[in-house]
Protein backbone atom coordinates (compact mmCIF):
# COMPACT_ATOMS: atom_id res chain seq x y z
CA MET A 1 177.78 32.61 -62.24
CA LEU A 2 175.03 32.10 -64.85
CA LEU A 3 173.87 28.59 -65.63
CA ILE A 4 173.04 28.02 -69.29
CA LEU A 5 170.61 25.26 -70.23
CA GLN A 6 171.73 24.37 -73.77
CA HIS A 7 169.71 22.89 -76.57
CA SER A 8 170.74 19.78 -78.40
CA GLY A 9 171.94 19.89 -81.95
CA ALA A 10 170.66 18.14 -85.02
CA SER A 11 171.56 14.75 -83.62
CA ASP A 12 169.49 15.46 -80.55
CA GLY A 13 166.50 13.18 -80.07
CA ALA A 14 164.53 10.92 -82.34
CA ARG A 15 165.43 10.91 -86.01
CA ALA A 16 162.55 12.05 -88.16
CA GLY A 17 162.25 10.05 -91.30
CA SER A 18 160.94 11.55 -94.49
CA GLY A 19 157.21 12.13 -94.18
CA SER A 20 157.01 10.60 -90.68
CA ILE A 21 155.93 12.20 -87.42
CA TRP A 22 158.30 12.62 -84.48
CA GLN A 23 157.68 9.77 -82.07
CA PRO A 24 159.91 7.81 -79.67
CA GLN A 25 161.45 4.61 -80.96
CA PRO A 26 159.49 1.39 -80.21
CA ASP A 27 161.94 0.16 -77.60
CA CYS A 28 161.81 3.39 -75.53
CA PRO A 29 160.25 2.95 -72.08
CA ALA A 30 157.00 4.86 -71.59
CA PRO A 31 157.49 6.69 -69.39
CA ALA A 32 161.22 6.65 -68.73
CA LYS A 33 162.32 6.66 -65.12
CA CYS A 34 165.32 8.08 -63.22
CA GLY A 35 165.32 7.27 -59.53
CA ASN A 36 161.84 8.23 -58.31
CA VAL A 37 161.16 10.62 -61.20
CA ASN A 38 158.89 9.55 -64.08
CA ILE A 39 159.96 11.13 -67.36
CA PRO A 40 157.08 11.26 -69.89
CA TYR A 41 157.50 11.95 -73.59
CA PRO A 42 158.37 14.48 -75.14
CA PHE A 43 161.13 14.25 -72.49
CA GLY A 44 163.40 11.24 -72.48
CA ILE A 45 166.81 9.94 -71.42
CA ARG A 46 168.11 7.81 -74.27
CA GLU A 47 168.77 9.03 -77.78
CA GLY A 48 165.72 8.48 -79.96
CA CYS A 49 163.39 8.60 -76.92
CA PHE A 50 162.85 12.36 -76.56
CA ARG A 51 161.52 15.10 -78.85
CA PRO A 52 164.37 16.73 -80.77
CA LYS A 53 165.22 20.43 -81.00
CA GLY A 54 163.53 21.54 -77.81
CA GLY A 55 165.79 20.81 -74.87
CA PHE A 56 163.76 17.75 -73.91
CA ASN A 57 166.73 15.45 -73.32
CA ILE A 58 167.16 14.42 -69.66
CA SER A 59 170.35 13.07 -68.13
CA CYS A 60 170.22 10.63 -65.22
CA LYS A 61 173.14 10.80 -62.74
CA GLN A 62 173.18 8.84 -59.50
CA GLU A 63 169.41 8.39 -59.56
CA GLN A 64 168.93 12.16 -60.11
CA ALA A 65 167.27 13.58 -63.25
CA TYR A 66 168.82 16.71 -64.80
CA ILE A 67 167.86 19.18 -67.51
CA GLY A 68 171.15 20.31 -68.95
CA PRO A 69 174.32 19.60 -67.00
CA ASP A 70 173.38 20.79 -63.48
CA ILE A 71 169.65 21.54 -63.02
CA ARG A 72 167.89 18.85 -61.02
CA VAL A 73 164.30 17.91 -61.98
CA THR A 74 161.88 16.40 -59.47
CA ASN A 75 158.58 16.29 -61.39
CA PHE A 76 157.03 16.52 -64.87
CA ASP A 77 153.37 17.38 -65.55
CA VAL A 78 152.26 16.75 -69.15
CA VAL A 79 148.70 17.99 -68.53
CA GLN A 80 149.87 21.40 -67.21
CA SER A 81 153.01 21.46 -69.41
CA GLU A 82 155.15 22.08 -66.32
CA ALA A 83 158.33 20.80 -64.71
CA ARG A 84 159.63 21.40 -61.18
CA ILE A 85 163.38 22.01 -60.91
CA LEU A 86 165.70 22.68 -57.96
CA THR A 87 168.18 25.56 -57.89
CA ASP A 88 171.16 25.72 -55.53
CA ILE A 89 174.56 27.30 -54.93
CA PRO A 90 176.64 24.72 -56.84
CA SER A 91 174.58 25.27 -60.00
CA GLY A 92 174.94 29.04 -59.66
CA THR A 93 171.17 29.57 -59.80
CA VAL A 94 170.98 31.42 -56.45
CA ALA A 95 172.96 34.43 -55.18
CA TRP A 96 174.39 35.16 -51.73
CA LYS A 97 177.01 37.36 -50.05
CA TYR A 98 178.35 38.44 -46.68
CA ASN A 99 176.71 41.69 -45.56
CA ASN A 100 180.05 43.47 -45.10
CA GLU A 101 181.08 42.72 -48.71
CA PHE A 102 180.93 45.32 -51.49
CA ASP A 103 181.02 44.53 -55.21
CA PRO A 104 183.67 46.60 -56.99
CA ILE A 105 181.30 47.03 -59.92
CA ALA A 106 177.69 47.99 -59.24
CA TRP A 107 174.97 45.55 -60.26
CA THR A 108 177.39 42.63 -60.45
CA SER A 109 175.65 39.31 -61.16
CA ARG A 110 176.18 36.66 -58.49
CA GLY A 111 173.92 34.00 -59.98
CA GLY A 112 171.19 33.35 -62.51
CA LEU A 113 169.54 31.00 -64.99
CA ARG A 114 169.34 30.85 -68.77
CA LEU A 115 166.76 28.61 -70.42
CA GLY A 116 166.17 27.62 -74.04
CA ASN A 117 163.37 28.82 -76.29
CA HIS A 118 161.01 26.03 -75.18
CA HIS A 119 161.21 26.61 -71.41
CA MET A 120 160.05 29.58 -69.29
CA VAL A 121 159.97 30.45 -65.59
CA SER A 122 156.29 30.53 -64.50
CA SER A 123 155.38 34.07 -63.44
CA ALA A 124 152.15 32.85 -61.83
CA LYS A 125 153.75 30.24 -59.56
CA ASN A 126 157.14 31.75 -58.65
CA ARG A 127 158.36 34.83 -56.75
CA PHE A 128 161.69 36.68 -56.59
CA THR A 129 162.78 36.49 -52.94
CA ALA A 130 165.51 38.11 -50.83
CA ILE A 131 166.55 37.20 -47.26
CA GLY A 132 168.66 39.25 -44.86
CA CYS A 133 168.82 42.54 -42.99
CA SER A 134 169.95 45.72 -44.74
CA THR A 135 169.53 43.76 -47.99
CA VAL A 136 168.63 45.18 -51.40
CA ALA A 137 168.61 42.46 -54.07
CA PHE A 138 167.90 42.75 -57.80
CA ILE A 139 166.75 40.45 -60.58
CA TYR A 140 167.51 41.43 -64.15
CA GLY A 141 165.66 39.62 -66.93
CA ARG A 142 166.09 39.58 -70.68
CA ASP A 143 163.88 37.66 -73.08
CA LYS A 144 163.37 37.31 -76.79
CA LYS A 145 160.14 38.97 -77.88
CA GLY A 146 158.35 37.16 -80.69
CA SER A 147 160.08 35.91 -83.83
CA ASN A 148 161.47 39.26 -84.97
CA GLY A 149 164.62 39.08 -82.85
CA GLN A 150 163.68 41.88 -80.41
CA PHE A 151 164.22 41.49 -76.67
CA ASP A 152 162.25 42.50 -73.57
CA GLN A 153 164.18 43.60 -70.49
CA PHE A 154 163.06 44.16 -66.90
CA THR A 155 164.62 44.81 -63.49
CA SER A 156 162.99 44.38 -60.08
CA LEU A 157 164.33 45.26 -56.63
CA CYS A 158 163.46 43.61 -53.34
CA GLY A 159 164.43 45.23 -50.02
CA SER A 160 164.60 43.49 -46.65
CA PHE A 161 165.48 45.38 -43.44
CA CYS A 162 165.45 44.76 -39.68
CA PHE A 163 165.36 47.22 -36.78
CA ASP A 164 166.75 44.65 -34.42
CA GLU A 165 166.86 40.90 -33.96
CA GLY A 166 163.46 40.83 -32.26
CA SER A 167 161.73 42.48 -35.23
CA ILE A 168 162.14 39.36 -37.40
CA GLU A 169 159.16 37.01 -37.22
CA ASP A 170 158.41 33.63 -38.77
CA GLY A 171 156.30 33.60 -41.97
CA PRO A 172 154.84 31.83 -43.73
CA GLU A 173 154.81 34.92 -45.97
CA CYS A 174 157.55 37.53 -46.27
CA SER A 175 156.72 40.90 -44.70
CA GLY A 176 159.86 42.88 -45.51
CA MET A 177 161.35 42.30 -42.05
CA GLY A 178 164.15 39.83 -42.78
CA CYS A 179 162.50 38.63 -46.01
CA CYS A 180 160.82 40.19 -49.05
CA GLN A 181 159.11 38.89 -52.19
CA VAL A 182 158.06 40.50 -55.50
CA PRO A 183 156.44 39.08 -58.68
CA ILE A 184 158.53 38.31 -61.74
CA SER A 185 157.95 39.08 -65.40
CA THR A 186 155.96 36.79 -67.67
CA ASN A 187 157.67 34.72 -70.36
CA LEU A 188 161.00 34.83 -68.48
CA ARG A 189 163.67 32.62 -70.07
CA ARG A 190 166.84 34.09 -68.56
CA PHE A 191 167.69 36.21 -65.52
CA SER A 192 170.62 37.40 -63.38
CA LEU A 193 170.66 37.91 -59.58
CA GLY A 194 172.74 40.26 -57.45
CA PHE A 195 172.85 42.86 -54.68
CA TYR A 196 172.98 46.62 -54.46
CA ASN A 197 175.89 47.85 -52.30
CA TYR A 198 174.24 48.97 -49.07
CA ASN A 199 176.00 50.05 -45.89
CA THR A 200 175.24 47.71 -43.00
CA THR A 201 175.57 48.75 -39.36
CA LYS A 202 177.68 46.80 -36.91
CA LYS A 203 174.56 46.12 -34.86
CA VAL A 204 172.93 44.32 -37.81
CA LEU A 205 176.08 42.40 -38.61
CA ASN A 206 176.06 40.97 -35.09
CA PHE A 207 172.86 39.01 -35.76
CA SER A 208 172.53 38.90 -39.59
CA SER A 209 175.75 38.29 -41.48
CA ARG A 210 174.51 37.11 -44.90
CA SER A 211 172.06 38.03 -47.66
CA TYR A 212 170.43 35.70 -50.22
CA ALA A 213 168.54 36.24 -53.51
CA PHE A 214 166.70 33.56 -55.50
CA VAL A 215 163.54 32.67 -57.43
CA VAL A 216 161.27 30.16 -55.67
CA GLU A 217 157.92 28.42 -56.11
CA LYS A 218 155.69 30.58 -53.91
CA ASP A 219 153.56 27.75 -52.53
CA GLN A 220 156.63 25.76 -51.44
CA PHE A 221 158.54 28.47 -49.54
CA LYS A 222 157.82 29.19 -45.86
CA PHE A 223 160.02 31.84 -44.23
CA LYS A 224 161.66 31.21 -40.86
CA SER A 225 163.28 33.98 -38.82
CA SER A 226 166.39 31.83 -38.40
CA TYR A 227 167.07 32.17 -42.14
CA ALA A 228 167.93 35.85 -41.64
CA LYS A 229 169.49 35.60 -38.16
CA ALA A 230 171.69 32.53 -38.62
CA ASP A 231 173.50 30.63 -41.33
CA ASN A 232 171.15 27.64 -41.51
CA PHE A 233 169.59 28.80 -44.79
CA MET A 234 172.72 27.46 -46.47
CA GLU A 235 171.39 24.01 -45.54
CA GLU A 236 168.14 24.78 -47.41
CA LEU A 237 170.15 25.87 -50.42
CA ALA A 238 172.05 22.59 -50.34
CA ARG A 239 168.76 20.68 -50.59
CA GLY A 240 167.62 22.93 -53.44
CA ILE A 241 165.07 25.72 -53.99
CA PRO A 242 162.05 24.63 -56.13
CA ILE A 243 161.05 26.57 -59.27
CA ILE A 244 158.17 25.79 -61.65
CA LEU A 245 159.06 25.87 -65.35
CA GLU A 246 156.52 25.99 -68.16
CA TRP A 247 157.34 24.46 -71.53
CA ILE A 248 155.99 24.54 -75.05
CA ALA A 249 156.23 21.99 -77.86
CA GLY A 250 157.32 24.52 -80.47
CA ASN A 251 157.67 28.24 -81.16
CA GLU A 252 155.11 28.31 -83.99
CA THR A 253 151.39 28.97 -83.79
CA CYS A 254 149.04 25.99 -83.97
CA LYS A 255 148.12 26.88 -87.54
CA GLU A 256 151.77 27.03 -88.59
CA ALA A 257 152.83 23.92 -86.67
CA ALA A 258 150.03 21.75 -88.10
CA LEU A 259 151.57 22.09 -91.54
CA LYS A 260 154.89 20.59 -90.43
CA GLU A 261 155.98 17.02 -89.83
CA SER A 262 157.32 18.13 -86.44
CA TYR A 263 153.74 18.90 -85.26
CA ALA A 264 153.59 17.63 -81.67
CA CYS A 265 149.84 17.08 -81.08
CA VAL A 266 149.75 13.65 -82.74
CA ALA A 267 147.37 11.74 -80.47
CA ASN A 268 143.86 10.97 -81.57
CA ASN A 269 141.46 13.20 -79.61
CA SER A 270 144.18 15.75 -78.91
CA LYS A 271 144.08 19.51 -79.49
CA CYS A 272 146.58 22.32 -80.01
CA ILE A 273 146.63 25.38 -77.71
CA ASP A 274 148.31 28.64 -78.70
CA VAL A 275 150.56 30.16 -76.03
CA ILE A 276 150.57 33.74 -77.25
CA GLU A 277 153.01 35.20 -74.71
CA ALA A 278 155.72 32.59 -75.47
CA PRO A 279 155.06 32.59 -78.44
CA GLY A 280 154.43 28.96 -79.25
CA TYR A 281 151.98 26.12 -78.68
CA ARG A 282 151.36 23.12 -76.44
CA CYS A 283 149.08 20.09 -76.63
CA ASN A 284 146.22 18.71 -74.53
CA CYS A 285 143.76 15.86 -74.79
CA THR A 286 140.25 16.95 -75.78
CA GLN A 287 137.34 16.95 -73.34
CA GLY A 288 136.46 13.46 -72.16
CA TYR A 289 139.98 12.14 -72.72
CA GLU A 290 143.16 12.08 -70.66
CA GLY A 291 146.77 11.02 -71.06
CA ASN A 292 149.73 12.14 -73.14
CA PRO A 293 148.76 14.09 -76.31
CA TYR A 294 152.35 13.88 -77.61
CA LEU A 295 152.06 10.10 -78.17
CA LYS A 296 150.03 8.68 -81.05
CA ASP A 297 147.75 6.63 -78.81
CA GLY A 298 148.28 8.77 -75.72
CA CYS A 299 144.75 10.20 -75.18
CA ARG A 300 142.35 7.67 -73.65
CA VAL A 301 138.67 7.87 -72.77
CA VAL A 302 138.18 9.25 -69.30
CA ASN A 303 136.70 6.93 -66.71
CA ILE A 304 134.32 9.47 -65.18
CA ALA A 305 134.00 7.45 -61.99
CA ASP A 306 137.76 7.68 -61.45
CA ILE A 307 138.68 11.22 -62.66
CA ASN A 308 137.89 14.39 -60.76
CA GLU A 309 139.95 17.29 -62.05
CA CYS A 310 138.87 19.38 -59.05
CA ASN A 311 140.64 17.02 -56.67
CA ALA A 312 143.26 19.39 -55.23
CA THR A 313 145.48 16.55 -54.09
CA ARG A 314 145.62 14.86 -57.48
CA PHE A 315 145.44 18.05 -59.59
CA PRO A 316 146.82 20.83 -57.35
CA ASN A 317 147.23 23.33 -60.19
CA SER A 318 144.15 22.65 -62.32
CA CYS A 319 142.27 25.82 -61.34
CA LYS A 320 143.11 29.20 -59.80
CA GLY A 321 139.48 30.02 -59.07
CA ILE A 322 136.36 27.98 -58.26
CA CYS A 323 136.57 24.48 -59.76
CA THR A 324 133.45 22.57 -60.84
CA ASN A 325 133.87 18.99 -62.02
CA THR A 326 131.89 17.95 -65.12
CA ASP A 327 131.56 14.74 -67.14
CA GLY A 328 134.92 14.20 -68.74
CA SER A 329 136.18 17.70 -67.93
CA TYR A 330 135.82 20.58 -65.46
CA ASP A 331 134.90 24.28 -65.33
CA CYS A 332 137.07 26.92 -63.68
CA LYS A 333 135.65 30.34 -62.87
CA CYS A 334 136.84 33.25 -60.76
CA PRO A 335 134.86 34.14 -57.61
CA LEU A 336 132.44 37.06 -57.77
CA GLY A 337 134.32 40.35 -57.79
CA THR A 338 137.49 38.92 -59.37
CA HIS A 339 138.61 38.11 -62.89
CA SER A 340 141.36 36.36 -64.84
CA ASP A 341 142.12 35.96 -68.53
CA ASP A 342 142.75 32.25 -67.91
CA PRO A 343 141.54 31.12 -64.46
CA LYS A 344 142.89 27.61 -65.08
CA ASN A 345 146.43 28.96 -65.20
CA LYS A 346 146.41 32.58 -63.98
CA GLU A 347 145.45 33.95 -60.58
CA CYS A 348 142.10 35.70 -60.10
CA VAL A 349 142.54 39.35 -59.16
CA PRO A 350 139.97 41.76 -57.65
CA GLN A 351 137.70 43.43 -60.20
CA VAL A 352 137.54 46.93 -58.76
CA LYS A 353 134.93 48.31 -61.14
CA LEU A 354 132.55 45.41 -60.47
CA VAL A 355 132.92 45.78 -56.69
CA ILE A 356 132.25 49.53 -56.91
CA GLY A 357 129.24 48.89 -59.17
CA ILE A 358 127.78 46.33 -56.76
CA CYS A 359 128.24 48.72 -53.80
CA ILE A 360 126.54 51.58 -55.69
CA SER A 361 123.67 49.28 -56.70
CA ILE A 362 123.16 48.14 -53.10
CA ILE A 363 123.15 51.76 -51.85
CA PHE A 364 120.68 52.77 -54.58
CA LEU A 365 118.43 49.83 -53.71
CA ILE A 366 118.48 50.79 -50.01
CA ILE A 367 117.54 54.38 -50.89
CA CYS A 368 114.67 53.23 -53.11
CA ILE A 369 113.31 50.86 -50.46
CA SER A 370 113.57 53.56 -47.77
CA THR A 371 111.78 56.07 -49.99
CA LEU A 372 109.01 53.56 -50.72
CA LEU A 373 108.57 52.76 -47.00
CA ILE A 374 108.36 56.48 -46.15
CA LYS A 375 105.74 56.98 -48.87
CA ILE A 376 103.71 54.01 -47.63
CA GLN A 377 103.88 55.36 -44.06
CA ARG A 378 102.67 58.77 -45.23
CA MET A 379 99.78 57.17 -47.10
CA LYS A 380 98.83 55.30 -43.91
CA LEU A 381 98.93 58.55 -41.92
CA GLU A 382 96.76 60.31 -44.51
CA LYS A 383 94.20 57.49 -44.37
CA GLU A 384 94.26 57.65 -40.56
CA LYS A 385 93.72 61.41 -40.61
CA GLN A 386 90.85 61.02 -43.05
CA ARG A 387 89.31 58.33 -40.86
CA PHE A 388 89.48 60.61 -37.80
CA TYR A 389 88.11 63.49 -39.88
CA ASP A 390 85.08 61.46 -40.96
CA GLN A 391 84.63 59.88 -37.55
CA ASN A 392 84.60 63.18 -35.65
CA GLY A 393 82.17 65.11 -37.83
CA GLY A 394 84.67 66.86 -40.03
CA HIS A 395 82.28 67.01 -42.98
CA ILE A 396 79.55 68.61 -40.85
CA LEU A 397 81.97 71.28 -39.63
CA TYR A 398 83.14 71.92 -43.18
CA GLN A 399 79.55 72.34 -44.40
CA LYS A 400 78.78 74.77 -41.58
CA ILE A 401 81.89 76.83 -42.42
CA ILE A 402 80.85 77.01 -46.09
CA SER A 403 77.25 77.90 -45.26
CA GLY A 404 78.35 80.63 -42.84
CA GLN A 405 76.89 78.98 -39.77
CA VAL A 406 80.38 78.94 -38.25
CA ASN A 407 82.28 82.18 -38.64
CA THR A 408 85.50 81.31 -36.88
CA VAL A 409 87.60 78.17 -36.58
CA GLU A 410 90.39 78.30 -34.08
CA ILE A 411 93.41 76.01 -34.47
CA PHE A 412 95.11 75.18 -31.19
CA THR A 413 98.91 74.93 -31.16
CA GLU A 414 100.81 72.32 -29.19
CA GLU A 415 101.86 74.98 -26.66
CA VAL A 416 98.25 76.02 -26.03
CA LEU A 417 97.15 72.40 -25.63
CA LYS A 418 100.07 71.76 -23.28
CA ASN A 419 98.98 74.63 -21.01
CA ALA A 420 95.31 73.62 -21.17
CA THR A 421 96.04 70.01 -20.20
CA ASN A 422 98.69 70.75 -17.56
CA ASN A 423 101.44 69.45 -19.81
CA PHE A 424 99.30 66.57 -21.09
CA ASP A 425 98.51 65.31 -17.59
CA SER A 426 97.14 61.77 -17.86
CA GLY A 427 94.55 62.64 -15.22
CA GLN A 428 92.92 64.97 -17.73
CA LYS A 429 92.45 62.32 -20.38
CA LEU A 430 88.97 61.72 -21.73
CA GLY A 431 87.31 59.01 -19.75
CA ALA A 432 89.47 59.58 -16.69
CA GLY A 433 87.76 62.70 -15.18
CA SER A 434 85.27 63.08 -12.29
CA PHE A 435 82.37 63.77 -14.64
CA LEU A 436 82.51 60.34 -16.26
CA ARG A 437 83.08 58.62 -12.93
CA ALA A 438 79.97 60.35 -11.59
CA MET A 439 78.02 59.15 -14.61
CA GLU A 440 79.19 55.58 -14.09
CA GLU A 441 78.19 55.76 -10.39
CA GLU A 442 74.79 57.50 -11.16
CA ARG A 443 75.43 60.49 -8.94
CA VAL A 444 75.12 63.35 -11.43
CA GLU A 445 73.46 65.57 -8.80
CA ASN A 446 76.74 65.67 -6.87
CA ILE A 447 78.54 67.45 -9.69
CA LEU A 448 75.81 69.95 -10.65
CA ASP A 449 76.38 73.64 -10.34
CA THR A 450 75.11 75.07 -7.03
CA SER A 451 72.44 77.06 -8.87
CA LEU A 452 70.96 73.77 -10.12
CA ALA A 453 71.52 71.71 -7.04
CA GLY A 454 68.02 72.37 -5.84
CA ALA A 455 66.24 71.32 -8.97
CA SER A 456 63.13 69.28 -8.55
CA MET A 457 63.07 65.55 -8.94
CA GLU A 458 61.11 66.04 -12.22
CA ALA A 459 64.04 68.03 -13.70
CA LEU A 460 66.77 65.62 -12.56
CA PRO A 461 66.12 63.01 -15.31
CA LEU A 462 66.50 65.72 -17.93
CA LEU A 463 69.79 66.82 -16.40
CA GLN A 464 70.93 63.22 -16.37
CA GLU A 465 69.97 62.94 -20.04
CA VAL A 466 72.09 66.00 -20.86
CA ALA A 467 74.96 64.52 -18.85
CA LYS A 468 74.58 61.27 -20.76
CA VAL A 469 74.94 63.11 -24.05
CA GLY A 470 78.08 64.77 -22.69
CA SER A 471 79.58 61.48 -21.56
CA MET A 472 78.96 59.98 -24.99
CA CYS A 473 80.73 62.92 -26.64
CA LEU A 474 83.69 62.46 -24.27
CA SER A 475 84.15 58.80 -25.10
CA ALA A 476 87.77 57.92 -25.94
CA LYS A 477 86.53 55.50 -28.62
CA GLY A 478 85.48 57.20 -31.82
CA LYS A 479 82.93 54.54 -32.69
CA GLU A 480 81.05 55.23 -29.42
CA ARG A 481 80.87 59.01 -29.97
CA PRO A 482 77.59 60.25 -31.60
CA SER A 483 77.62 62.39 -34.72
CA MET A 484 76.75 66.08 -34.59
CA ALA A 485 73.34 65.37 -36.07
CA GLU A 486 72.64 62.78 -33.36
CA VAL A 487 73.74 65.20 -30.64
CA THR A 488 71.45 67.88 -32.10
CA ASP A 489 68.47 65.53 -32.12
CA MET A 490 69.08 64.37 -28.54
CA LEU A 491 69.45 67.93 -27.19
CA LYS A 492 66.38 69.07 -29.09
CA ALA A 493 64.35 66.35 -27.43
CA VAL A 494 65.69 67.40 -24.03
CA ARG A 495 64.79 71.04 -24.66
CA ILE A 496 61.24 70.13 -25.69
CA ALA A 497 60.82 68.01 -22.54
CA TRP A 498 62.27 70.84 -20.46
CA ARG A 499 59.80 73.36 -21.95
CA ASP A 500 56.87 71.05 -21.27
CA LEU A 501 58.10 70.67 -17.70
CA LEU A 502 58.20 74.43 -17.20
CA VAL A 503 54.76 74.94 -18.68
CA SER A 504 53.22 72.37 -16.45
CA SER A 505 55.15 73.48 -13.39
CA GLU A 506 53.35 74.93 -10.41
CA TYR A 507 56.22 77.31 -9.73
CA ASN A 508 55.61 81.03 -9.92
CA VAL A 509 57.12 82.17 -13.19
CA THR A 510 58.26 85.70 -13.68
CA GLU A 511 58.94 87.06 -17.13
CA VAL A 512 61.78 89.54 -17.23
CA VAL A 513 62.55 91.56 -20.32
CA VAL A 514 66.30 91.71 -20.75
CA ASP A 515 66.31 95.31 -21.98
CA SER A 516 63.00 97.16 -21.34
CA SER A 517 64.14 100.12 -23.36
CA GLU A 518 64.31 97.97 -26.47
CA ALA A 519 61.29 95.76 -25.73
CA PRO A 520 58.73 95.57 -28.52
CA PRO A 521 55.53 97.49 -27.83
CA SER A 522 53.27 94.67 -28.79
CA GLY A 523 53.83 92.94 -25.47
CA ASN A 524 54.75 89.78 -27.27
CA PRO A 525 58.46 89.54 -26.53
CA SER A 526 60.53 87.44 -28.87
CA SER A 527 63.01 86.49 -26.20
CA ALA A 528 62.68 86.10 -22.43
CA VAL A 529 64.45 84.58 -19.46
CA PHE A 530 62.30 82.59 -17.06
CA TRP A 531 63.45 82.47 -13.49
CA THR A 532 62.45 80.52 -10.50
CA PRO A 533 64.06 80.48 -7.09
CA ASP A 534 65.42 77.02 -7.85
CA MET A 535 66.63 77.48 -11.42
CA GLN A 536 68.69 80.55 -12.13
CA SER A 537 70.34 81.50 -15.47
CA LEU A 538 68.67 78.66 -17.40
CA GLU A 539 67.80 79.94 -20.93
CA VAL A 540 64.91 78.36 -22.81
CA GLU A 541 62.89 79.20 -25.87
CA THR A 542 60.16 81.88 -25.53
CA LEU A 543 56.65 80.61 -25.14
CA ARG A 544 54.54 81.48 -28.13
């Protein structure tokens, strides 16, 4: 069964006099009312109180408002150009069958809806839905495309299956287990509903005997497992399934409509909006005004203190993205990473390219920061190496290498250093050995070689002075270590004092020529070793 919502004929609506605009007659209520439903113009109940030639006439039966003969209406929204209707089994706008039934002809229509040229099923706010187990439902749509008489056609399938009774779970959204949902086409004015013949097992029939197919407002439908397992969904159908319709004032463009006496945007401070996909146009009040743009004095100045278009309770469909209230109006933008051609009316969808671009930019930024930190760390290490080089006499060593005073420089590997320090034993650290402890405790004589242990008391201060130089060179703190030049000066002074001590000594001194066969004949040797019983193998400069 296909319900057809018919348009009125020439006698439909207000009579337009020559050169006059289409407006309701003076005695028409504004707005009209049927039961609890307010009916704003361009809709109306009585002849002369609704806009002609657009299917805007409403019938009121037993306190129920109807578009056409059988479609119940529960709400009108002039600002959004929307109307909420209820579909049910009696009106033939939903489809159902027993699961053991087979249609003799494939793709047989079991229900549907046909609207006029000024009304469309909202693709953004409705979904095609099927309920049942072993259920494959279809929706077939056909719509006039533009003003050239061509038609668009589309078909969508929705499959709902169940393994067993326990696999069906309550919603609120459909998961495909007992219930499924798919989007519908835009600009949909007529559709048919039915089922594909699908073999159902006896096991499924025992707990799911019926299948249903319908279009429903997505925000108003919450699935319950009992809908697929029992027959109580028939009770929901009796109450009606909500659908959101969109409507336009005419099928012309704004530019075309403005030239005609039937132009609908008649209010002061109103504006015309092209609805390209319809095609057609609708009317709104301009920024800072609110009300009904289809009435001559319908748009009134907004009381900013009272109006907040971002109030979700008062304006639940004003924005599909992020709403920002402004003086006399509001802004609607999609969240970062999403986009929409019209965020006030169309859902925001993920913007894949933007997300990928942001991720790549973040990765690139991390790489750049890491590279910069590594470079800064290397610069710090180079400065530290240079500081140690300067601090430990590196320049002096370099000059000696260049001048030839040092012929060989040996570089110690980690393995050699590991063996020399007993695997970097902490007891061998500078400043932790017995030599420095002896210096701190002023007992240098206890660590002297046995050949020097018997040195005279006059020589002991000189030995202590040499030990002091050694302890300074072994300091763990670079600032406390003397430079090579300072070490040279201190040792030179010790050697001079040592020579003076030997000259003035009362010890018997024996001069021994190291190699008599090569001794110079003059008897003035250039090099000699002086020996005393108490000081063996101590080399000093030759007396001249």
